[in-house]
Protein backbone atom coordinates (compact mmCIF):
# COMPACT_ATOMS: atom_id res chain seq x y z
CA MET A 1 193.85 30.52 141.47
CA THR A 2 194.72 29.32 137.95
CA ALA A 3 194.82 31.55 134.91
CA PHE A 4 191.62 30.01 133.60
CA SER A 5 189.62 29.67 136.82
CA HIS A 6 187.03 32.06 135.39
CA ARG A 7 185.93 29.23 133.07
CA THR A 8 184.65 27.16 136.00
CA GLY A 9 181.35 27.73 137.77
CA LEU A 10 178.16 26.18 139.07
CA GLN A 11 175.38 25.23 136.67
CA LEU A 12 171.84 24.00 137.28
CA ARG A 13 171.18 20.56 135.77
CA SER A 14 167.89 18.71 135.36
CA GLN A 15 167.60 14.99 134.77
CA ILE A 16 164.76 12.48 134.63
CA THR A 17 165.93 8.96 135.35
CA ALA A 18 164.62 5.73 133.84
CA ALA A 19 163.33 4.90 137.32
CA GLY A 20 160.89 7.85 137.06
CA ARG A 21 162.56 10.47 139.20
CA LEU A 22 163.39 14.10 138.51
CA GLU A 23 166.74 15.23 139.91
CA LEU A 24 167.72 18.90 140.08
CA SER A 25 171.21 19.76 141.22
CA LEU A 26 174.05 22.24 140.97
CA VAL A 27 177.20 20.88 139.35
CA SER A 28 180.60 22.42 138.81
CA VAL A 29 181.34 22.84 135.09
CA THR A 30 184.59 23.86 133.43
CA LEU A 31 184.10 25.32 129.96
CA PRO A 32 186.64 25.10 127.14
CA ALA A 33 188.18 28.22 125.67
CA PRO A 34 185.86 30.07 123.30
CA SER A 35 186.35 29.50 119.59
CA ALA A 36 186.84 32.43 117.21
CA ASP A 37 183.17 33.49 117.16
CA GLU A 38 182.35 32.68 120.79
CA VAL A 39 182.55 34.46 124.13
CA LEU A 40 182.48 33.47 127.79
CA VAL A 41 179.97 35.40 129.86
CA ARG A 42 179.76 35.78 133.63
CA VAL A 43 175.98 35.55 134.09
CA GLU A 44 174.64 38.25 136.38
CA ALA A 45 170.86 37.87 135.90
CA ALA A 46 168.50 35.37 134.26
CA PRO A 47 164.68 35.41 134.40
CA ILE A 48 162.47 32.39 135.02
CA ASN A 49 160.04 32.36 132.09
CA PRO A 50 157.14 29.90 131.70
CA SER A 51 159.17 28.36 128.85
CA ASP A 52 161.89 27.47 131.39
CA ILE A 53 159.56 25.54 133.69
CA GLY A 54 159.08 22.59 131.33
CA PRO A 55 162.79 21.87 130.82
CA MET A 56 163.40 22.37 134.53
CA PHE A 57 160.73 20.04 135.91
CA GLY A 58 159.47 17.97 133.00
CA ALA A 59 156.38 16.00 133.96
CA ALA A 60 157.39 15.66 137.62
CA ASP A 61 154.72 15.69 140.32
CA LEU A 62 155.94 18.60 142.41
CA SER A 63 153.75 17.58 145.34
CA THR A 64 156.36 14.83 145.90
CA LEU A 65 159.26 17.29 146.00
CA GLN A 66 162.09 16.55 148.43
CA ALA A 67 165.32 18.41 149.08
CA GLN A 68 168.61 17.32 150.62
CA THR A 69 172.15 18.59 150.88
CA VAL A 70 174.77 16.39 149.24
CA ASP A 71 178.46 17.32 149.52
CA GLY A 72 177.43 20.78 150.68
CA ARG A 73 175.09 21.46 147.75
CA ALA A 74 171.31 21.36 147.46
CA VAL A 75 169.74 18.51 145.50
CA VAL A 76 166.01 18.26 144.75
CA TRP A 77 164.03 15.14 143.84
CA ALA A 78 160.46 14.55 142.69
CA ASP A 79 158.56 11.59 141.29
CA VAL A 80 157.50 11.45 137.65
CA PRO A 81 154.17 9.57 137.24
CA GLN A 82 154.56 6.42 135.21
CA ARG A 83 151.83 7.54 132.81
CA ALA A 84 153.95 10.59 131.93
CA MET A 85 157.21 8.75 131.29
CA LYS A 86 156.43 8.07 127.63
CA ALA A 87 156.28 11.81 126.97
CA MET A 88 159.67 12.18 128.72
CA ALA A 89 161.38 9.47 126.63
CA GLY A 90 163.54 11.94 124.75
CA ARG A 91 165.24 13.21 127.91
CA VAL A 92 165.48 10.08 130.11
CA ASP A 93 168.90 9.81 131.77
CA ARG A 94 170.10 12.96 129.99
CA SER A 95 171.39 15.79 132.14
CA LEU A 96 169.97 19.03 130.75
CA SER A 97 171.05 22.62 131.34
CA VAL A 98 168.26 25.14 131.88
CA GLY A 99 167.59 28.84 131.28
CA LEU A 100 166.82 30.43 127.91
CA GLU A 101 168.07 33.97 128.41
CA GLY A 102 170.04 36.24 130.67
CA ALA A 103 172.56 39.05 130.87
CA GLY A 104 176.13 39.35 132.04
CA THR A 105 179.63 40.56 131.30
CA VAL A 106 181.91 39.07 128.63
CA ILE A 107 185.05 37.87 130.42
CA GLU A 108 186.83 36.06 127.57
CA ALA A 109 186.45 36.32 123.80
CA GLY A 110 187.49 34.39 120.73
CA ASP A 111 189.83 35.76 118.09
CA SER A 112 187.29 37.17 115.65
CA PRO A 113 186.88 40.97 115.58
CA GLU A 114 183.19 40.55 116.45
CA ALA A 115 184.02 38.53 119.56
CA GLN A 116 186.84 40.83 120.64
CA ALA A 117 184.52 43.82 120.34
CA LEU A 118 182.36 42.33 123.09
CA LEU A 119 185.17 41.77 125.62
CA GLY A 120 184.33 43.58 128.85
CA ARG A 121 180.87 44.54 127.57
CA ARG A 122 177.61 43.74 129.30
CA VAL A 123 175.41 41.75 126.93
CA ALA A 124 172.02 40.13 126.83
CA LEU A 125 172.16 36.59 125.48
CA PHE A 126 170.06 33.52 124.85
CA GLY A 127 170.95 29.84 124.93
CA GLU A 128 169.99 26.85 127.04
CA ALA A 129 172.13 27.19 130.17
CA MET A 130 171.58 30.61 131.70
CA TYR A 131 171.08 29.29 135.23
CA ALA A 132 174.84 29.09 135.55
CA GLN A 133 177.67 31.26 136.81
CA VAL A 134 179.51 31.24 133.49
CA VAL A 135 178.33 30.29 130.00
CA LYS A 136 179.76 30.10 126.51
CA ALA A 137 177.77 31.74 123.72
CA ARG A 138 178.04 32.47 120.04
CA VAL A 139 178.53 36.12 119.16
CA GLY A 140 175.29 36.02 117.15
CA ASN A 141 173.37 35.07 120.30
CA CYS A 142 174.61 38.14 122.18
CA LEU A 143 173.11 41.62 122.17
CA PRO A 144 175.39 44.40 123.47
CA LEU A 145 173.49 46.48 125.99
CA PRO A 146 173.62 50.28 126.07
CA ALA A 147 176.10 51.73 128.55
CA GLY A 148 174.66 51.92 132.05
CA THR A 149 172.05 49.20 131.51
CA SER A 150 171.81 46.89 134.52
CA ALA A 151 171.91 43.13 134.14
CA ALA A 152 168.38 42.93 135.55
CA ASP A 153 167.09 45.36 132.91
CA GLY A 154 168.85 43.47 130.11
CA ALA A 155 168.11 39.93 131.26
CA SER A 156 164.72 39.67 129.56
CA CYS A 157 165.66 41.16 126.19
CA PHE A 158 164.81 38.12 124.09
CA VAL A 159 161.92 35.84 125.02
CA ASN A 160 159.13 38.23 126.01
CA PRO A 161 159.99 41.31 123.89
CA LEU A 162 160.64 39.32 120.71
CA THR A 163 157.53 37.21 121.35
CA ALA A 164 155.39 40.36 121.61
CA LEU A 165 156.97 41.77 118.46
CA GLY A 166 156.60 38.39 116.77
CA MET A 167 152.87 38.34 117.49
CA VAL A 168 152.43 41.76 115.90
CA GLU A 169 154.64 40.79 112.97
CA THR A 170 152.67 37.58 112.45
CA MET A 171 149.46 39.58 112.45
CA ARG A 172 150.76 41.79 109.68
CA LEU A 173 152.28 38.97 107.63
CA GLU A 174 149.03 36.99 107.69
CA GLY A 175 146.73 39.89 106.86
CA HIS A 176 144.98 40.41 110.21
CA HIS A 177 144.41 43.82 111.75
CA ALA A 178 143.86 43.23 115.48
CA LEU A 179 144.88 40.74 118.16
CA VAL A 180 143.51 38.68 121.04
CA HIS A 181 145.80 37.61 123.88
CA THR A 182 145.08 35.30 126.82
CA ALA A 183 146.72 35.31 130.26
CA ALA A 184 147.23 38.93 129.33
CA ALA A 185 148.30 40.30 132.73
CA SER A 186 151.68 38.56 132.52
CA ASN A 187 154.94 40.43 131.93
CA LEU A 188 154.60 39.54 128.26
CA GLY A 189 150.97 40.62 128.23
CA GLN A 190 151.83 44.00 129.70
CA MET A 191 154.52 44.47 127.06
CA LEU A 192 151.98 43.64 124.36
CA VAL A 193 149.54 46.20 125.79
CA ARG A 194 152.22 48.91 125.61
CA LEU A 195 153.40 47.78 122.15
CA CYS A 196 149.91 47.71 120.62
CA ALA A 197 149.06 51.09 122.14
CA LYS A 198 152.24 52.56 120.66
CA ASP A 199 151.61 51.02 117.23
CA GLY A 200 147.87 51.71 117.14
CA ILE A 201 146.82 48.05 117.05
CA PRO A 202 143.47 47.04 118.59
CA LEU A 203 144.12 44.42 121.30
CA VAL A 204 141.60 42.30 123.18
CA ASN A 205 143.07 41.14 126.51
CA ILE A 206 141.68 38.10 128.32
CA VAL A 207 142.58 37.78 132.02
CA ARG A 208 141.36 35.71 134.96
CA SER A 209 140.35 38.12 137.72
CA PRO A 210 138.86 41.60 138.31
CA ALA A 211 142.19 42.71 139.79
CA GLN A 212 143.96 41.86 136.54
CA VAL A 213 141.30 43.74 134.58
CA GLN A 214 142.07 46.85 136.62
CA GLN A 215 145.82 46.28 136.29
CA LEU A 216 145.69 46.36 132.50
CA ARG A 217 143.23 49.23 132.37
CA ASP A 218 145.68 51.21 134.50
CA LEU A 219 148.24 50.55 131.73
CA GLY A 220 145.84 52.05 129.20
CA ALA A 221 144.32 48.87 127.75
CA VAL A 222 140.90 49.46 126.19
CA TRP A 223 139.47 45.95 125.87
CA VAL A 224 140.11 43.80 128.96
CA LEU A 225 137.84 40.85 129.74
CA ASP A 226 137.65 38.61 132.79
CA SER A 227 137.14 35.00 131.63
CA THR A 228 135.54 34.13 134.98
CA ALA A 229 132.76 36.71 134.57
CA PRO A 230 129.22 35.36 133.84
CA GLN A 231 128.92 37.54 130.71
CA PHE A 232 132.37 36.69 129.34
CA THR A 233 131.13 35.13 126.08
CA GLU A 234 128.90 38.08 125.24
CA GLN A 235 131.59 40.60 126.22
CA LEU A 236 134.22 38.81 124.13
CA THR A 237 131.93 38.73 121.10
CA ASP A 238 131.27 42.47 121.42
CA ALA A 239 134.99 43.24 121.79
CA LEU A 240 135.82 41.16 118.72
CA ALA A 241 133.10 42.87 116.71
CA ALA A 242 134.43 46.29 117.78
CA THR A 243 138.07 45.52 116.98
CA GLY A 244 137.68 43.13 114.04
CA ALA A 245 140.22 40.79 115.66
CA THR A 246 140.52 37.45 113.83
CA LEU A 247 143.91 36.35 115.24
CA ALA A 248 144.56 35.16 118.79
CA PHE A 249 147.60 34.01 120.75
CA ASP A 250 146.70 31.65 123.56
CA ALA A 251 149.09 31.09 126.46
CA ILE A 252 146.72 28.71 128.25
CA GLY A 253 146.71 25.82 125.80
CA GLY A 254 144.48 23.33 127.59
CA GLY A 255 140.71 23.34 127.95
CA ARG A 256 138.25 25.20 125.74
CA MET A 257 139.65 28.74 125.63
CA ALA A 258 140.81 28.44 122.02
CA THR A 259 137.40 27.07 121.03
CA GLN A 260 135.65 29.91 122.88
CA ILE A 261 137.71 32.49 121.03
CA LEU A 262 137.02 30.95 117.61
CA SER A 263 133.30 30.67 118.39
CA CYS A 264 133.12 34.30 119.48
CA MET A 265 135.09 35.39 116.40
CA GLU A 266 132.48 33.72 114.18
CA ALA A 267 129.64 35.29 116.20
CA ALA A 268 131.34 38.70 115.97
CA LEU A 269 131.68 38.41 112.20
CA LEU A 270 127.97 37.60 111.90
CA GLN A 271 127.14 40.45 114.28
CA SER A 272 129.18 42.79 112.05
CA GLY A 273 127.14 41.83 108.99
CA LYS A 274 129.32 39.17 107.36
CA SER A 275 127.30 36.72 105.32
CA ALA A 276 127.50 33.02 106.02
CA GLY A 277 126.68 29.94 104.03
CA ARG A 278 126.27 26.38 105.17
CA TYR A 279 129.97 26.33 106.14
CA GLY A 280 129.90 29.58 108.09
CA THR A 281 131.62 32.86 107.20
CA THR A 282 134.52 32.83 104.78
CA THR A 283 136.80 35.02 106.95
CA LEU A 284 139.75 33.06 108.35
CA LYS A 285 139.83 32.90 112.13
CA GLN A 286 143.18 31.79 113.60
CA VAL A 287 144.30 30.84 117.10
CA TYR A 288 147.95 30.12 117.84
CA VAL A 289 148.72 28.24 121.07
CA TYR A 290 152.10 29.37 122.34
CA GLY A 291 151.97 28.34 126.01
CA MET A 292 150.97 25.54 128.36
CA LEU A 293 149.61 27.21 131.48
CA ASP A 294 146.94 24.49 131.39
CA THR A 295 148.52 21.13 130.54
CA SER A 296 145.18 19.35 130.01
CA PRO A 297 144.08 18.46 126.44
CA THR A 298 143.04 21.26 124.11
CA GLU A 299 139.33 20.75 123.47
CA VAL A 300 137.97 21.71 120.07
CA VAL A 301 134.20 21.99 119.60
CA ARG A 302 133.66 22.92 115.95
CA ASN A 303 130.81 25.40 116.05
CA PHE A 304 132.55 28.22 114.16
CA GLY A 305 132.28 27.22 110.50
CA MET A 306 135.12 25.90 108.37
CA ALA A 307 137.28 29.00 107.83
CA TRP A 308 139.51 28.56 110.86
CA GLY A 309 142.93 27.42 111.95
CA MET A 310 144.54 26.32 115.20
CA GLY A 311 148.20 25.53 115.64
CA GLY A 312 151.33 26.08 117.64
CA TRP A 313 153.55 29.16 117.56
CA LEU A 314 157.13 29.37 118.80
CA LEU A 315 159.48 32.32 118.80
CA PHE A 316 162.59 30.85 117.20
CA PRO A 317 160.86 29.22 114.21
CA PHE A 318 159.16 32.60 113.67
CA LEU A 319 162.54 34.37 113.67
CA GLY A 320 163.78 31.82 111.15
CA ARG A 321 160.76 32.63 109.00
CA VAL A 322 161.37 36.37 108.90
CA GLY A 323 165.13 36.04 108.44
CA PRO A 324 168.28 37.64 109.91
CA ALA A 325 167.74 41.19 108.66
CA ARG A 326 164.24 41.50 110.10
CA THR A 327 165.30 39.77 113.31
CA LEU A 328 168.11 42.32 113.72
CA ALA A 329 165.62 45.16 113.27
CA LEU A 330 163.33 43.67 115.93
CA LYS A 331 166.25 43.31 118.35
CA GLN A 332 167.20 46.94 117.77
CA ARG A 333 163.67 48.03 118.60
CA VAL A 334 163.90 46.08 121.88
CA LEU A 335 167.08 48.00 122.77
CA ASP A 336 165.54 51.32 121.76
CA GLU A 337 162.51 50.74 124.02
CA LEU A 338 164.11 48.60 126.73
CA HIS A 339 163.06 50.87 129.60
CA THR A 340 159.59 51.68 128.25
CA THR A 341 157.65 49.28 126.00
CA PHE A 342 159.75 46.24 126.88
CA ALA A 343 160.52 46.87 130.54
CA SER A 344 160.31 43.77 132.77
CA ARG A 345 159.38 43.70 136.44
CA TYR A 346 160.30 40.99 138.95
CA THR A 347 158.67 40.04 142.21
CA LYS A 348 161.70 38.29 143.70
CA THR A 349 165.40 37.71 143.11
CA VAL A 350 167.09 34.43 144.09
CA SER A 351 170.54 32.88 143.95
CA LEU A 352 171.28 29.52 142.30
CA THR A 353 171.05 27.81 145.68
CA GLU A 354 167.75 29.51 146.51
CA LEU A 355 166.47 28.36 143.11
CA LEU A 356 166.44 24.83 144.58
CA ASP A 357 164.55 25.84 147.72
CA PRO A 358 161.20 23.92 147.73
CA THR A 359 159.47 26.99 149.16
CA GLU A 360 160.56 29.11 146.20
CA ILE A 361 159.82 26.32 143.70
CA ALA A 362 156.25 26.13 145.04
CA VAL A 363 155.79 29.77 143.96
CA PHE A 364 157.54 30.13 140.61
CA ALA A 365 156.63 26.65 139.28
CA LYS A 366 152.95 27.66 139.32
CA ARG A 367 153.61 30.01 136.39
CA ALA A 368 151.26 32.42 138.14
CA THR A 369 150.75 35.88 136.68
CA GLY A 370 152.58 38.49 138.71
CA GLN A 371 155.13 36.05 140.18
CA LYS A 372 158.15 36.55 137.91
CA TYR A 373 161.49 35.53 139.45
CA LEU A 374 164.98 36.67 138.55
CA VAL A 375 168.01 34.45 139.20
CA GLU A 376 171.37 36.01 140.08
CA PRO A 377 173.78 33.07 139.57
CA ASN A 378 176.86 34.79 140.96
CA ARG A 379 175.20 36.25 144.04
């Protein structure tokens, strides 16, 4: 064993070829020594978030998935439909690393005092290559975890907790007073339920089954609506009138959910006594699409007046908007409430090799609520 063998490890790579084929494989990568403000981290846990599925699979048709063993390692292939190749142009024949966040132990540090202070510490971190045995990260992308915190508990410190906090922060910055959230039974949705309850924020939760309604009510949620119920539109209007919610975050993306929410917001405003002219009420109604659970086109039927907005919302541009000081305060709140408000729960843990098992892919690639996987790269 060489002195620097700890810098070498397996890493998941995703590539879409010009011939229209997705290739997922594990490759051995040797990282250079960390610079002054960098550290090397032995990754012990990394969650599979919906935001990881796109980089992992692109527009591949997973019904064509095949797996083989090449030189003792699993390799997975799938076809990419020709009609989808234009959208994949930016990544054709580029081998991409995958995995936005994780947790592990710092095994080598650069010369700066900040980097040296992390040596031997367990940290949460974000980047673009967490499905790997060892990664290099900037000190600013690492969050030292409290003593005794497991890698599994710290692995989801960034994406879901900061997204939930970002939604609440956006609400306050833009002058709204209550929230609507779709696909609300997810890990993120459950965090948002706990966060809004703690902060006294009215929250309207939209889910897709009676079981999910009960799940969120058991967490203490007050307004939980099943979008498959016959009276959904009426129930949503009533909930919006009761809460005054005029801001929504939509994880679904495709179809007419965003339109339904805006329409019901307008109806709720009228029901609450707001006056309307020929262009509807003057109260701004806003929906932010932040997910792609439904990849079909977003359909907009404009029956909600002219005081409305619809756009995209992403975590890291939001953090850039609020600046380093506020971002640091939000991260500290995550640490303070890591085992309560921002606790994550996983249905299954897999190794890097198991991550390429078609049986497992068939489950976690669905992005189904209640099927959150955790990867242990060094298992």
